[in-house]
Structure formats: structure tokens, C-alpha cells
Amino acid sequence: MTRAQPLRRTLVVGIIVLVTVLTAAVGTFSTIALRNDLIERLDTQLATATDRSFDQFAPNGKPPGSRGAPPGAEVLGMPGQREGTIAGLSRNGEATSAQVIASDGKVRNLTDEELAALNAGFEDGTPRTVEVSGLGSYRMIMRTAQQAGGTSNTGSSALIMGLPLADTNATVLQLSLLIGAAGLAGIVLTAFAGTLFVRAALRPLDRIAEAATQVAEIPLHQGDVALPVRVEQRDARPESEVGQVGQALNILLDHVSGALSARQESEEKLRQFVADASHELRTPIASIRGYAELTRRSPEQLPESAVHTLGRIESESVRMTKIVEDLLLLARLDEGTEVRTEPVNLTQLIVDAVSDASAAGGDHEWLLDVPETGVTITGDSMRLHQVLMNLLNNARVHTPAGTVVTAALRLEADTTIVEIRDDGPGIDEALAAAVFERFVRGDASRARHTGGTGLGLAIASAIVDAHDGELSLESRPGETVFRIRLPAATAPGRVHGEQPASP
């Protein structure tokens, strides 16, 4: 799978590739055009020199060399011939002799190996490039007596002349190196300037991304959420594509802000309604419970069905009282008015909670894993004890007899961790995702048999949140762990009843 590349890098690389391709194309075209032009000029010089030499040394149609001197020497002996020029005689398509002007200005005969290169299939009057061993590349041409205006009795004798391509190749190479150096410098400059240009062009997009990141870091799922972040007006103009993105993001944030405000207002009304209703229901429920209990204890003999009915009214009023109290507690926790701050010996609190749970659940095995020295934190002792009891009771009610329940306490860096672990059947994955929501109950494998309200874990989570902590769950068959993370402990104390060590 191809990894996505940053837009900035993609644009810079694209610009560099485009400039490189254009530079290479222009350089190649210029080099080829220059080489062709130089070769065309060399061919013109070669043709002119060959015609002049042929007219000089083959008058009246006589073949070169008819005056007794080697044909190459006769041609090369003419004034104006430059170093490296080759001239020779060809009979029946085979070079028989040839000479070259050496670097010292003297004329020398070609060796057999050098002469063999002149046997290439020349077409009369058409220059071609020939590689002469030891001498390099040459543009060579062949002229016959018949071509120069002679008669056909000249047979197949011909004059071969060649001019070196060394100067042409050197000029082309120099141009190629110059274009290459200039192109490389241009590519480096393009990379630098392109990076600056792309960075400046994408700076508005960076600011938009920064604004979106700030919004993404705001916890939108809880509390009264404000969205003060907006894309700056200079980056939200519809005239440009980036501005259209910024404008769309601002519109989206306005809509989200309005939705969050409406949600918060609705939650506040609902919370206030729950608090008011719970508060108002406490008195009539208590009255119903009191009257039911009073009637049941009346000295007058009541029918058995009436006694049973009054008992059910009393038990249901007790259950309703518990629900009302839990709802009222949740409403107050949501308002942040139900948690006190005081030093709490968390180790002793866990010891007491496990002791209470073991008394209520004698058919379970209860274990403690706490440090010898007490751990003191700042919080609400009563509410934290309620959290522990909720979790321990949850383990007791929803696991079979014989289950091992362990309460552990440890410190990790700046965090205090409390774990309630059991080796029961575990919690279904679908239920675990919503276990801390209100009025959520377990499935058949962990069903409540005691008429629970489904608010215990929701209350525990709300209390831990009020302590700036986190309550989480990990569960699989054979192990369920409720983990409480609280802010760092203060200086360690001693478990209640222990004496400090002697100095």
C-alpha cells in the first residue's frame, strides 16, 4: 500500500520533475541541433574541398593519381588543408592508398588497419561518418571522375577525402556540459525557490489545519462546550480554493457550536428536572413507605392478602427511594457539587471495603494486594468508598460462588491505580462498551438477581470523573478488571492502626 505523501512535498517534487524534464528536453534538442548544424557545415567544407581537389588533380576526366604522385599526397599538398585531413584513392570500391596530415604538419601514409576503415560502402557524393582506428571519427566523402564531369572511361577510380569530427565533438561536448551545469543549477534553484513558494502558498492551508486541530482537541462529548476557534477571515475568502475550505470550516463550526449549545441547554434542563423531580419525590415516597409500615404494624388484624400487599408496597417504596437517591446523586455530581476534598487514606479505604464485601459475600474468595505503607490522596472518602463498594458488589452479584475477587492498589509514576479483579465468566463485549451508561444492566450470564437499578457503575464512573480520574473496564472469559486511575498520591501515610516506624 502506497503511503500518502504531504501535499507540500508532492508539489515541490512535481515542480522539480517538470523543470528537470524541460531542461533535459531543451538541452537534448539544442545539442542535437548544434551537432547537426556543425556537421552540415563540415560536410559543406568537405564537399567544397573535394570538388576543388578533384578538379585540380583529375583534369579532363583523368582519375586522381594519373600524374604519378600518390593521390593523397597531391591533395594534401594543396594550400589550406588542415591537420587531420585524410585523402586517398579507391579502386573498385576498395581503398588502395591514403594519407593524413599528422599533428606535426607532415603528410604520412595510413596504416593497413587505418586504411581498412575507408573501405566502408560509400555512396558517391554523400558524406558519412567513419570511425578510423587510432584517428577518431571522420566525415568522409567519395568523388569519382564521372561525378566531377568526366566520362565513363574513368572506370571505378575515386578520390576519398575526410575531415576530422574532433572539433565538432568537442564543441558539442562543451555545450552539453554547459547545459548540464546550468540545468543542475537551475534545478537546485527551482527546488529552493519552489519550496519557499509552495510553503508560502500553503500557509493559509496550514492555518486552517491548525484551527481544525484545535477544535479536534476540544472534548465535545461532555460539559458546556465552547467553540471559540474560527478560521481567520483572510483564510476564509471564497475567491480562492483554500479560502472556500476555510469558509466551509467556519460554517461547519458555527453549526456544531449551535448544536452543542442546544444539547447543553437540553441536558441542563433534563438534569434540573431530574434533580427537582428526585428531590420532590423523596417526601411522598417516604410517606408511602411510612404509612405502609405503620399500617402493617397496626394492632388490628388484617387479612393475609392485605399484609402481603402492604409488604410489597413497602419493599417497592424502598427500591424507588434507592432509585431517586441515585438519580439525585448523579444530578449533583453532574453539577460538581457533591464531592468534597480532604486527605483520604486509600489503602485503609480498600481494606474496609473488602472487609464489608466479604461479610456480605461469604461464598466468594476475597484477596487484598495493597502496599504495606498507606497511600493518601485528596478526595471525598465517602464517595470513594461508595465506588469501591459498587465495584465489589458488582463482582459479588454477577459472578458464581467460589469466584476469586482481588482488590489491588499500586502507584505508577504520577498515577494511583486501584483494580478490582475477578476470575468470573467475563462481560459480553457488546455490553462492556456501554457498561458505564445509566440504566444499563448485565445480560443473562451476569444478570442481576437483586433488582438493581442499573445506576451503580454510572455513579462510580461519575464519582471517579469528579476526582479527575478515569474508570475503565477490561474483560474476557476468566478475568474481568475494573481499573480506577486517580491523580498522584501525596506523601505516603500509615494504615489506620499501625504505628509509624521509630527513627
Protein backbone atom coordinates (compact mmCIF):
# COMPACT_ATOMS: atom_id res chain seq x y z
CA MET A 1 0.00 0.00 0.00
CA THR A 2 1.43 3.36 -1.05
CA ARG A 3 1.88 5.77 1.82
CA ALA A 4 0.30 9.17 1.30
CA GLN A 5 2.81 11.97 0.82
CA PRO A 6 2.46 15.53 2.15
CA LEU A 7 0.99 17.95 -0.38
CA ARG A 8 3.95 20.31 0.08
CA ARG A 9 6.45 17.60 -0.82
CA THR A 10 4.33 16.39 -3.73
CA LEU A 11 4.13 19.87 -5.25
CA VAL A 12 7.86 20.56 -4.84
CA VAL A 13 8.79 17.19 -6.31
CA GLY A 14 6.36 17.77 -9.17
CA ILE A 15 7.91 21.17 -9.95
CA ILE A 16 11.43 19.72 -9.81
CA VAL A 17 10.49 16.81 -12.10
CA LEU A 18 8.81 19.18 -14.57
CA VAL A 19 11.81 21.52 -14.66
CA THR A 20 14.20 18.56 -14.99
CA VAL A 21 12.25 17.12 -17.90
CA LEU A 22 12.03 20.50 -19.64
CA THR A 23 15.75 21.16 -19.07
CA ALA A 24 16.67 17.74 -20.41
CA ALA A 25 14.40 18.18 -23.43
CA VAL A 26 15.73 21.66 -24.25
CA GLY A 27 19.33 20.55 -23.70
CA THR A 28 18.93 17.47 -25.87
CA PHE A 29 17.21 19.42 -28.64
CA SER A 30 19.86 22.17 -28.53
CA THR A 31 22.73 19.68 -28.56
CA ILE A 32 21.29 17.69 -31.46
CA ALA A 33 20.53 20.87 -33.41
CA LEU A 34 24.05 22.23 -32.85
CA ARG A 35 25.66 18.92 -33.80
CA ASN A 36 23.60 18.66 -36.97
CA ASP A 37 24.44 22.25 -37.90
CA LEU A 38 28.17 21.76 -37.29
CA ILE A 39 28.18 18.50 -39.23
CA GLU A 40 26.29 20.19 -42.07
CA ARG A 41 28.90 22.94 -42.19
CA LEU A 42 31.69 20.37 -42.09
CA ASP A 43 30.05 18.47 -44.91
CA THR A 44 29.89 21.68 -46.96
CA GLN A 45 33.59 22.31 -46.33
CA LEU A 46 34.38 18.71 -47.17
CA ALA A 47 32.39 18.80 -50.42
CA THR A 48 33.98 22.09 -51.49
CA ALA A 49 37.49 20.86 -50.74
CA THR A 50 36.86 17.55 -52.51
CA ASP A 51 35.48 19.20 -55.65
CA ARG A 52 38.39 21.65 -55.75
CA SER A 53 40.92 18.89 -55.25
CA PHE A 54 39.31 16.66 -57.87
CA ASP A 55 39.26 19.47 -60.44
CA GLN A 56 42.93 20.15 -59.70
CA PHE A 57 44.21 16.62 -59.89
CA ALA A 58 41.83 14.96 -62.32
CA PRO A 59 41.65 17.34 -65.30
CA ASN A 60 39.86 16.18 -68.45
CA GLY A 61 38.28 13.32 -66.51
CA LYS A 62 41.57 11.59 -65.66
CA PRO A 63 41.44 9.76 -62.37
CA PRO A 64 43.40 11.01 -59.35
CA GLY A 65 46.97 9.88 -59.25
CA SER A 66 47.39 9.91 -63.03
CA ARG A 67 50.21 12.48 -62.73
CA GLY A 68 52.38 9.93 -60.99
CA ALA A 69 52.21 11.18 -57.38
CA PRO A 70 50.18 9.40 -54.73
CA PRO A 71 46.70 10.90 -54.93
CA GLY A 72 46.54 11.61 -51.22
CA ALA A 73 49.84 13.46 -51.27
CA GLU A 74 48.74 15.54 -54.24
CA VAL A 75 45.56 16.62 -52.47
CA LEU A 76 47.10 17.17 -49.07
CA GLY A 77 49.88 19.16 -50.65
CA MET A 78 47.43 21.89 -51.63
CA PRO A 79 47.45 25.05 -49.52
CA GLY A 80 44.86 25.50 -46.79
CA GLN A 81 44.45 21.83 -45.81
CA ARG A 82 44.20 21.47 -42.02
CA GLU A 83 45.64 18.99 -39.59
CA GLY A 84 43.94 15.60 -39.60
CA THR A 85 42.64 15.79 -43.19
CA ILE A 86 42.65 12.43 -44.98
CA ALA A 87 42.87 11.93 -48.77
CA GLY A 88 43.21 8.69 -50.69
CA LEU A 89 42.43 6.66 -53.80
CA SER A 90 39.76 4.00 -54.13
CA ARG A 91 39.60 1.48 -56.98
CA ASN A 92 36.61 -0.78 -57.47
CA GLY A 93 35.25 0.22 -54.01
CA GLU A 94 38.47 -0.62 -52.14
CA ALA A 95 40.84 1.98 -50.75
CA THR A 96 44.29 1.35 -52.21
CA SER A 97 46.23 4.19 -50.62
CA ALA A 98 45.60 7.22 -48.40
CA GLN A 99 47.48 9.85 -46.45
CA VAL A 100 46.77 12.08 -43.48
CA ILE A 101 48.20 15.37 -42.24
CA ALA A 102 49.78 14.45 -38.92
CA SER A 103 49.94 16.65 -35.82
CA ASP A 104 53.43 17.86 -36.84
CA GLY A 105 52.06 19.12 -40.17
CA LYS A 106 53.68 16.38 -42.25
CA VAL A 107 51.83 14.01 -44.54
CA ARG A 108 52.04 10.29 -43.70
CA ASN A 109 50.54 7.17 -45.22
CA LEU A 110 47.74 5.41 -43.38
CA THR A 111 48.46 2.01 -41.91
CA ASP A 112 46.61 -1.04 -43.18
CA GLU A 113 44.34 -1.01 -40.10
CA GLU A 114 43.56 2.69 -40.63
CA LEU A 115 43.11 2.18 -44.35
CA ALA A 116 40.58 -0.63 -43.77
CA ALA A 117 38.08 1.91 -42.38
CA LEU A 118 37.99 3.62 -45.77
CA ASN A 119 36.51 0.50 -47.35
CA ALA A 120 33.06 1.34 -45.94
CA GLY A 121 30.38 1.34 -48.60
CA PHE A 122 30.42 4.96 -49.71
CA GLU A 123 27.80 6.44 -51.95
CA ASP A 124 29.24 8.82 -54.49
CA GLY A 125 28.98 12.40 -53.24
CA THR A 126 27.24 11.52 -49.95
CA PRO A 127 29.21 12.29 -46.78
CA ARG A 128 29.13 9.76 -43.97
CA THR A 129 30.70 9.31 -40.57
CA VAL A 130 33.51 6.78 -40.37
CA GLU A 131 35.44 5.65 -37.30
CA VAL A 132 39.13 5.43 -38.25
CA SER A 133 41.11 3.32 -35.84
CA GLY A 134 43.63 5.45 -33.96
CA LEU A 135 42.47 8.70 -35.58
CA GLY A 136 38.88 9.02 -34.34
CA SER A 137 35.64 9.96 -36.05
CA TYR A 138 35.69 11.45 -39.58
CA ARG A 139 33.21 12.81 -42.07
CA MET A 140 34.26 11.26 -45.36
CA ILE A 141 33.15 11.64 -48.97
CA MET A 142 33.99 9.91 -52.24
CA ARG A 143 34.21 11.55 -55.67
CA THR A 144 34.57 9.67 -58.94
CA ALA A 145 35.75 11.10 -62.26
CA GLN A 146 32.27 10.63 -63.69
CA GLN A 147 30.78 12.70 -60.81
CA ALA A 148 33.19 15.53 -61.44
CA GLY A 149 32.19 15.88 -65.09
CA GLY A 150 34.41 13.19 -66.56
CA THR A 151 33.42 10.39 -68.90
CA SER A 152 32.56 6.89 -68.11
CA ASN A 153 36.02 5.61 -69.23
CA THR A 154 37.37 6.66 -65.86
CA GLY A 155 36.24 3.30 -64.54
CA SER A 156 35.74 2.93 -60.83
CA SER A 157 38.65 5.11 -59.63
CA ALA A 158 37.62 7.63 -56.99
CA LEU A 159 39.05 10.21 -54.65
CA ILE A 160 38.25 9.80 -50.91
CA MET A 161 38.57 12.75 -48.56
CA GLY A 162 37.75 13.13 -44.89
CA LEU A 163 37.75 15.83 -42.25
CA PRO A 164 38.01 15.03 -38.50
CA LEU A 165 34.99 15.40 -36.21
CA ALA A 166 37.13 16.06 -33.15
CA ASP A 167 36.44 19.81 -33.08
CA THR A 168 32.74 19.26 -33.72
CA ASN A 169 32.50 16.64 -30.95
CA ALA A 170 34.45 18.87 -28.56
CA THR A 171 32.09 21.76 -29.24
CA VAL A 172 29.03 19.55 -28.72
CA LEU A 173 30.51 18.11 -25.52
CA GLN A 174 31.29 21.58 -24.22
CA LEU A 175 27.73 22.69 -24.92
CA SER A 176 26.37 19.53 -23.25
CA LEU A 177 28.44 20.15 -20.14
CA LEU A 178 27.40 23.80 -20.08
CA ILE A 179 23.72 22.88 -20.43
CA GLY A 180 24.10 20.15 -17.79
CA ALA A 181 25.75 22.52 -15.31
CA ALA A 182 23.22 25.26 -15.98
CA GLY A 183 20.37 22.76 -15.77
CA LEU A 184 21.65 21.35 -12.46
CA ALA A 185 21.98 24.84 -11.04
CA GLY A 186 18.51 25.65 -12.30
CA ILE A 187 17.08 22.50 -10.69
CA VAL A 188 18.70 23.33 -7.34
CA LEU A 189 17.44 26.90 -7.56
CA THR A 190 14.00 25.63 -8.56
CA ALA A 191 13.93 23.25 -5.58
CA PHE A 192 14.84 26.06 -3.19
CA ALA A 193 12.54 28.66 -4.72
CA GLY A 194 9.77 26.09 -5.23
CA THR A 195 9.93 25.08 -1.58
CA LEU A 196 9.61 28.70 -0.48
CA PHE A 197 6.82 29.36 -2.96
CA VAL A 198 4.84 26.23 -2.06
CA ARG A 199 5.32 26.90 1.65
CA ALA A 200 4.03 30.44 1.24
CA ALA A 201 1.13 29.26 -0.96
CA LEU A 202 0.11 26.56 1.53
CA ARG A 203 0.50 28.70 4.65
CA PRO A 204 -3.26 29.52 4.68
CA LEU A 205 -3.98 25.78 4.50
CA ASP A 206 -1.63 25.22 7.44
CA ARG A 207 -3.55 27.80 9.46
CA ILE A 208 -6.82 26.09 8.57
CA ALA A 209 -5.39 22.71 9.61
CA GLU A 210 -4.18 24.23 12.87
CA ALA A 211 -7.66 25.59 13.58
CA ALA A 212 -9.20 22.19 12.82
CA THR A 213 -6.66 20.51 15.13
CA GLN A 214 -7.53 22.88 17.96
CA VAL A 215 -11.20 22.02 17.53
CA ALA A 216 -10.38 18.28 17.42
CA GLU A 217 -8.61 18.58 20.80
CA ILE A 218 -11.70 20.04 22.49
CA PRO A 219 -13.72 17.40 24.41
CA LEU A 220 -17.05 17.80 22.66
CA HIS A 221 -18.77 14.88 24.37
CA GLN A 222 -19.22 16.36 27.81
CA GLY A 223 -19.98 19.56 29.69
CA ASP A 224 -20.63 23.04 28.44
CA VAL A 225 -18.52 23.15 25.29
CA ALA A 226 -17.48 26.44 23.70
CA LEU A 227 -16.01 26.64 20.21
CA PRO A 228 -14.12 29.94 20.08
CA VAL A 229 -11.80 28.73 17.33
CA ARG A 230 -12.52 30.02 13.83
CA VAL A 231 -10.54 30.29 10.62
CA GLU A 232 -9.21 33.82 10.15
CA GLN A 233 -11.11 35.97 7.67
CA ARG A 234 -8.07 36.26 5.38
CA ASP A 235 -8.13 32.46 5.01
CA ALA A 236 -11.90 32.21 4.53
CA ARG A 237 -12.39 34.21 1.33
CA PRO A 238 -14.34 32.37 -1.37
CA GLU A 239 -12.16 33.82 -4.14
CA SER A 240 -9.61 31.00 -3.72
CA GLU A 241 -9.92 27.25 -3.28
CA VAL A 242 -8.21 27.37 0.12
CA GLY A 243 -10.50 30.23 1.13
CA GLN A 244 -13.52 28.13 0.20
CA VAL A 245 -12.25 25.37 2.52
CA GLY A 246 -11.77 27.90 5.32
CA GLN A 247 -15.22 29.37 4.79
CA ALA A 248 -16.81 25.90 4.77
CA LEU A 249 -15.00 25.02 8.01
CA ASN A 250 -16.25 28.21 9.69
CA ILE A 251 -19.82 27.43 8.62
CA LEU A 252 -19.42 23.89 9.96
CA LEU A 253 -18.07 25.17 13.28
CA ASP A 254 -20.99 27.58 13.57
CA HIS A 255 -23.43 24.72 13.06
CA VAL A 256 -21.57 22.47 15.53
CA SER A 257 -21.42 25.26 18.09
CA GLY A 258 -25.15 25.84 17.77
CA ALA A 259 -25.85 22.11 18.10
CA LEU A 260 -23.62 21.84 21.18
CA SER A 261 -25.31 24.83 22.80
CA ALA A 262 -28.73 23.31 22.13
CA ARG A 263 -27.57 19.97 23.50
CA GLN A 264 -26.11 21.58 26.61
CA GLU A 265 -29.26 23.57 27.21
CA SER A 266 -31.35 20.40 26.83
CA GLU A 267 -29.07 18.47 29.18
CA GLU A 268 -29.20 21.22 31.78
CA LYS A 269 -33.00 21.27 31.62
CA LEU A 270 -33.13 17.48 31.90
CA ARG A 271 -30.60 17.47 34.75
CA GLN A 272 -32.53 20.14 36.59
CA PHE A 273 -35.76 18.24 36.01
CA VAL A 274 -34.24 15.03 37.36
CA ALA A 275 -32.83 16.84 40.38
CA ASP A 276 -36.11 18.63 41.09
CA ALA A 277 -38.19 15.51 40.50
CA SER A 278 -35.91 13.39 42.67
CA HIS A 279 -35.98 15.95 45.42
CA GLU A 280 -39.76 16.30 45.26
CA LEU A 281 -40.31 12.53 45.14
CA ARG A 282 -38.32 11.85 48.29
CA THR A 283 -41.06 13.15 50.60
CA PRO A 284 -44.08 11.34 49.07
CA ILE A 285 -42.12 8.10 48.72
CA ALA A 286 -41.03 8.34 52.35
CA SER A 287 -44.67 8.99 53.31
CA ILE A 288 -45.88 5.97 51.34
CA ARG A 289 -43.24 3.81 52.98
CA GLY A 290 -44.11 5.15 56.42
CA TYR A 291 -47.85 4.66 56.02
CA ALA A 292 -47.34 1.14 54.66
CA GLU A 293 -45.11 0.21 57.57
CA LEU A 294 -47.47 1.85 60.07
CA THR A 295 -50.49 0.06 58.66
CA ARG A 296 -48.67 -3.28 58.62
CA ARG A 297 -47.77 -2.85 62.27
CA SER A 298 -51.31 -1.86 63.26
CA PRO A 299 -52.68 -3.89 66.24
CA GLU A 300 -55.79 -4.61 64.24
CA GLN A 301 -55.82 -7.96 62.50
CA LEU A 302 -55.52 -7.50 58.72
CA PRO A 303 -56.29 -10.06 56.07
CA GLU A 304 -53.29 -12.01 54.86
CA SER A 305 -53.65 -10.57 51.33
CA ALA A 306 -53.61 -7.03 52.74
CA VAL A 307 -50.48 -7.76 54.75
CA HIS A 308 -48.80 -9.14 51.63
CA THR A 309 -49.86 -6.11 49.59
CA LEU A 310 -48.58 -3.66 52.22
CA GLY A 311 -45.29 -5.56 52.33
CA ARG A 312 -44.92 -5.25 48.58
CA ILE A 313 -45.77 -1.53 48.73
CA GLU A 314 -43.13 -1.07 51.40
CA SER A 315 -40.44 -3.01 49.52
CA GLU A 316 -41.13 -1.19 46.25
CA SER A 317 -41.05 2.16 48.01
CA VAL A 318 -37.63 1.21 49.39
CA ARG A 319 -36.48 0.35 45.86
CA MET A 320 -37.95 3.58 44.48
CA THR A 321 -36.22 5.53 47.25
CA LYS A 322 -32.89 3.99 46.16
CA ILE A 323 -33.52 4.96 42.53
CA VAL A 324 -34.48 8.51 43.48
CA GLU A 325 -31.41 8.86 45.70
CA ASP A 326 -29.16 7.59 42.91
CA LEU A 327 -30.68 9.94 40.34
CA LEU A 328 -30.34 12.86 42.72
CA LEU A 329 -26.70 11.93 43.37
CA LEU A 330 -25.97 11.76 39.64
CA ALA A 331 -27.59 15.14 39.07
CA ARG A 332 -25.47 16.67 41.83
CA LEU A 333 -22.31 15.02 40.53
CA ASP A 334 -23.05 16.43 37.07
CA GLU A 335 -23.23 19.87 38.67
CA GLY A 336 -19.96 19.24 40.54
CA THR A 337 -21.48 19.95 43.96
CA GLU A 338 -21.33 16.53 45.61
CA VAL A 339 -17.59 15.85 46.08
CA ARG A 340 -15.55 17.12 49.00
CA THR A 341 -11.76 17.37 49.10
CA GLU A 342 -9.93 16.02 52.12
CA PRO A 343 -6.99 13.67 52.76
CA VAL A 344 -8.09 10.08 52.19
CA ASN A 345 -6.10 7.01 53.24
CA LEU A 346 -6.87 4.97 50.16
CA THR A 347 -5.20 1.82 51.47
CA GLN A 348 -7.36 1.76 54.59
CA LEU A 349 -10.43 2.55 52.50
CA ILE A 350 -9.80 -0.53 50.30
CA VAL A 351 -9.19 -2.73 53.34
CA ASP A 352 -12.50 -1.63 54.89
CA ALA A 353 -14.43 -2.07 51.63
CA VAL A 354 -13.12 -5.60 51.09
CA SER A 355 -13.94 -6.45 54.70
CA ASP A 356 -17.54 -5.28 54.20
CA ALA A 357 -17.83 -7.16 50.88
CA SER A 358 -16.50 -10.40 52.39
CA ALA A 359 -19.09 -10.19 55.14
CA ALA A 360 -21.87 -9.90 52.55
CA GLY A 361 -20.42 -12.49 50.15
CA GLY A 362 -19.04 -15.36 52.17
CA ASP A 363 -19.31 -17.73 49.19
CA HIS A 364 -16.60 -15.75 47.32
CA GLU A 365 -12.87 -15.64 47.97
CA TRP A 366 -11.65 -12.10 48.70
CA LEU A 367 -7.98 -11.11 48.33
CA LEU A 368 -6.03 -7.90 49.04
CA ASP A 369 -2.96 -6.68 47.16
CA VAL A 370 -2.00 -3.34 48.70
CA PRO A 371 1.33 -1.81 49.74
CA GLU A 372 2.38 -2.06 53.37
CA THR A 373 2.52 1.71 53.72
CA GLY A 374 -0.71 3.61 53.34
CA VAL A 375 -1.36 5.71 50.23
CA THR A 376 -3.02 9.04 50.89
CA ILE A 377 -4.79 11.03 48.19
CA THR A 378 -7.04 14.07 48.13
CA GLY A 379 -10.71 13.34 47.61
CA ASP A 380 -14.08 12.50 49.13
CA SER A 381 -13.72 9.48 51.42
CA MET A 382 -17.44 8.64 51.48
CA ARG A 383 -17.83 8.81 47.70
CA LEU A 384 -14.66 6.81 47.02
CA HIS A 385 -15.88 4.17 49.46
CA GLN A 386 -19.15 4.10 47.51
CA VAL A 387 -17.21 3.48 44.29
CA LEU A 388 -15.30 0.59 45.83
CA MET A 389 -18.45 -0.96 47.28
CA ASN A 390 -20.27 -0.64 43.95
CA LEU A 391 -17.45 -2.44 42.13
CA LEU A 392 -17.07 -5.13 44.80
CA ASN A 393 -20.82 -5.72 44.98
CA ASN A 394 -20.92 -5.87 41.19
CA ALA A 395 -18.29 -8.64 41.28
CA ARG A 396 -20.17 -10.46 44.04
CA VAL A 397 -23.61 -10.30 42.39
CA HIS A 398 -22.57 -11.12 38.83
CA THR A 399 -20.14 -13.99 39.44
CA PRO A 400 -20.82 -17.52 40.67
CA ALA A 401 -19.90 -18.80 44.13
CA GLY A 402 -16.22 -19.58 44.59
CA THR A 403 -15.06 -16.72 42.36
CA VAL A 404 -11.81 -15.09 43.48
CA VAL A 405 -12.11 -11.29 43.77
CA THR A 406 -8.91 -9.29 44.24
CA ALA A 407 -8.63 -5.63 45.24
CA ALA A 408 -5.21 -4.22 44.32
CA LEU A 409 -3.55 -0.85 44.82
CA ARG A 410 -0.32 0.35 43.23
CA LEU A 411 1.50 3.50 42.18
CA GLU A 412 2.73 4.21 38.65
CA ALA A 413 4.70 7.43 38.20
CA ASP A 414 2.20 10.21 38.94
CA THR A 415 -0.89 7.96 38.97
CA THR A 416 -2.61 5.93 41.68
CA ILE A 417 -4.22 2.78 40.31
CA VAL A 418 -6.91 0.71 42.02
CA GLU A 419 -8.01 -2.56 40.41
CA ILE A 420 -10.98 -4.79 41.25
CA ARG A 421 -10.29 -8.10 39.51
CA ASP A 422 -12.30 -11.31 39.40
CA ASP A 423 -11.91 -14.64 37.60
CA GLY A 424 -15.60 -14.93 36.72
CA PRO A 425 -17.20 -15.57 33.31
CA GLY A 426 -16.49 -12.07 32.00
CA ILE A 427 -18.70 -9.42 30.42
CA ASP A 428 -20.04 -9.61 26.89
CA GLU A 429 -18.13 -7.32 24.50
CA ALA A 430 -21.27 -5.50 23.36
CA LEU A 431 -22.30 -4.83 26.98
CA ALA A 432 -18.79 -3.77 28.03
CA ALA A 433 -18.90 -0.84 25.59
CA ALA A 434 -21.92 0.67 27.42
CA VAL A 435 -21.46 -0.66 30.93
CA PHE A 436 -20.90 2.82 32.45
CA GLU A 437 -24.04 4.30 30.95
CA ARG A 438 -27.13 4.83 33.05
CA PHE A 439 -29.78 2.11 33.43
CA VAL A 440 -27.57 -0.48 31.75
CA ARG A 441 -27.83 -3.98 33.16
CA GLY A 442 -25.92 -7.17 32.51
CA ASP A 443 -27.03 -9.96 30.17
CA ALA A 444 -28.07 -13.44 31.29
CA SER A 445 -24.52 -14.50 32.13
CA ARG A 446 -24.17 -11.62 34.61
CA ALA A 447 -27.82 -10.77 35.25
CA ARG A 448 -28.86 -9.01 38.44
CA HIS A 449 -30.95 -11.16 40.72
CA THR A 450 -31.37 -8.48 43.34
CA GLY A 451 -33.42 -5.91 41.44
CA GLY A 452 -30.57 -3.48 40.77
CA THR A 453 -31.30 -0.11 39.21
CA GLY A 454 -28.54 -0.16 36.58
CA LEU A 455 -27.07 3.04 38.02
CA GLY A 456 -24.24 1.65 40.16
CA LEU A 457 -21.44 1.73 37.57
CA ALA A 458 -22.71 5.04 36.17
CA ILE A 459 -22.45 6.55 39.66
CA ALA A 460 -19.00 5.03 40.17
CA SER A 461 -17.79 6.49 36.87
CA ALA A 462 -19.26 9.92 37.70
CA ILE A 463 -17.56 9.96 41.13
CA VAL A 464 -14.18 8.99 39.64
CA ASP A 465 -14.59 11.68 36.96
CA ALA A 466 -15.33 14.22 39.69
CA HIS A 467 -11.94 13.28 41.21
CA ASP A 468 -10.21 13.99 37.85
CA GLY A 469 -9.73 10.27 37.41
CA GLU A 470 -10.75 7.55 34.97
CA LEU A 471 -12.69 4.32 35.43
CA SER A 472 -12.15 1.68 32.73
CA LEU A 473 -13.02 -1.95 32.11
CA GLU A 474 -11.13 -4.87 30.62
CA SER A 475 -12.97 -8.16 30.39
CA ARG A 476 -12.56 -11.59 28.85
CA PRO A 477 -13.66 -15.06 29.95
CA GLY A 478 -11.83 -15.84 33.18
CA GLU A 479 -10.81 -12.28 34.01
CA THR A 480 -12.66 -9.00 34.50
CA VAL A 481 -10.78 -5.92 35.69
CA PHE A 482 -12.28 -2.58 36.71
CA ARG A 483 -9.37 -0.12 36.84
CA ILE A 484 -9.51 3.25 38.62
CA ARG A 485 -6.84 5.82 37.78
CA LEU A 486 -6.59 8.75 40.19
CA PRO A 487 -4.15 11.67 40.35
CA ALA A 488 -0.81 11.08 42.05
CA ALA A 489 -0.78 10.25 45.73
CA THR A 490 0.57 12.66 48.31
CA ALA A 491 3.25 11.68 50.83
CA PRO A 492 2.64 8.08 51.97
CA GLY A 493 0.98 7.66 55.35
CA ARG A 494 0.29 4.65 57.56
CA VAL A 495 -2.65 2.30 57.55
CA HIS A 496 -5.06 3.15 60.35
CA GLY A 497 -3.98 1.30 63.49
CA GLU A 498 -0.29 0.95 62.56
CA GLN A 499 2.38 2.83 64.37
CA PRO A 500 4.98 4.84 62.49
CA ALA A 501 8.47 3.36 62.43
CA SER A 502 10.85 4.56 65.10
CA PRO A 503 13.53 6.94 63.88
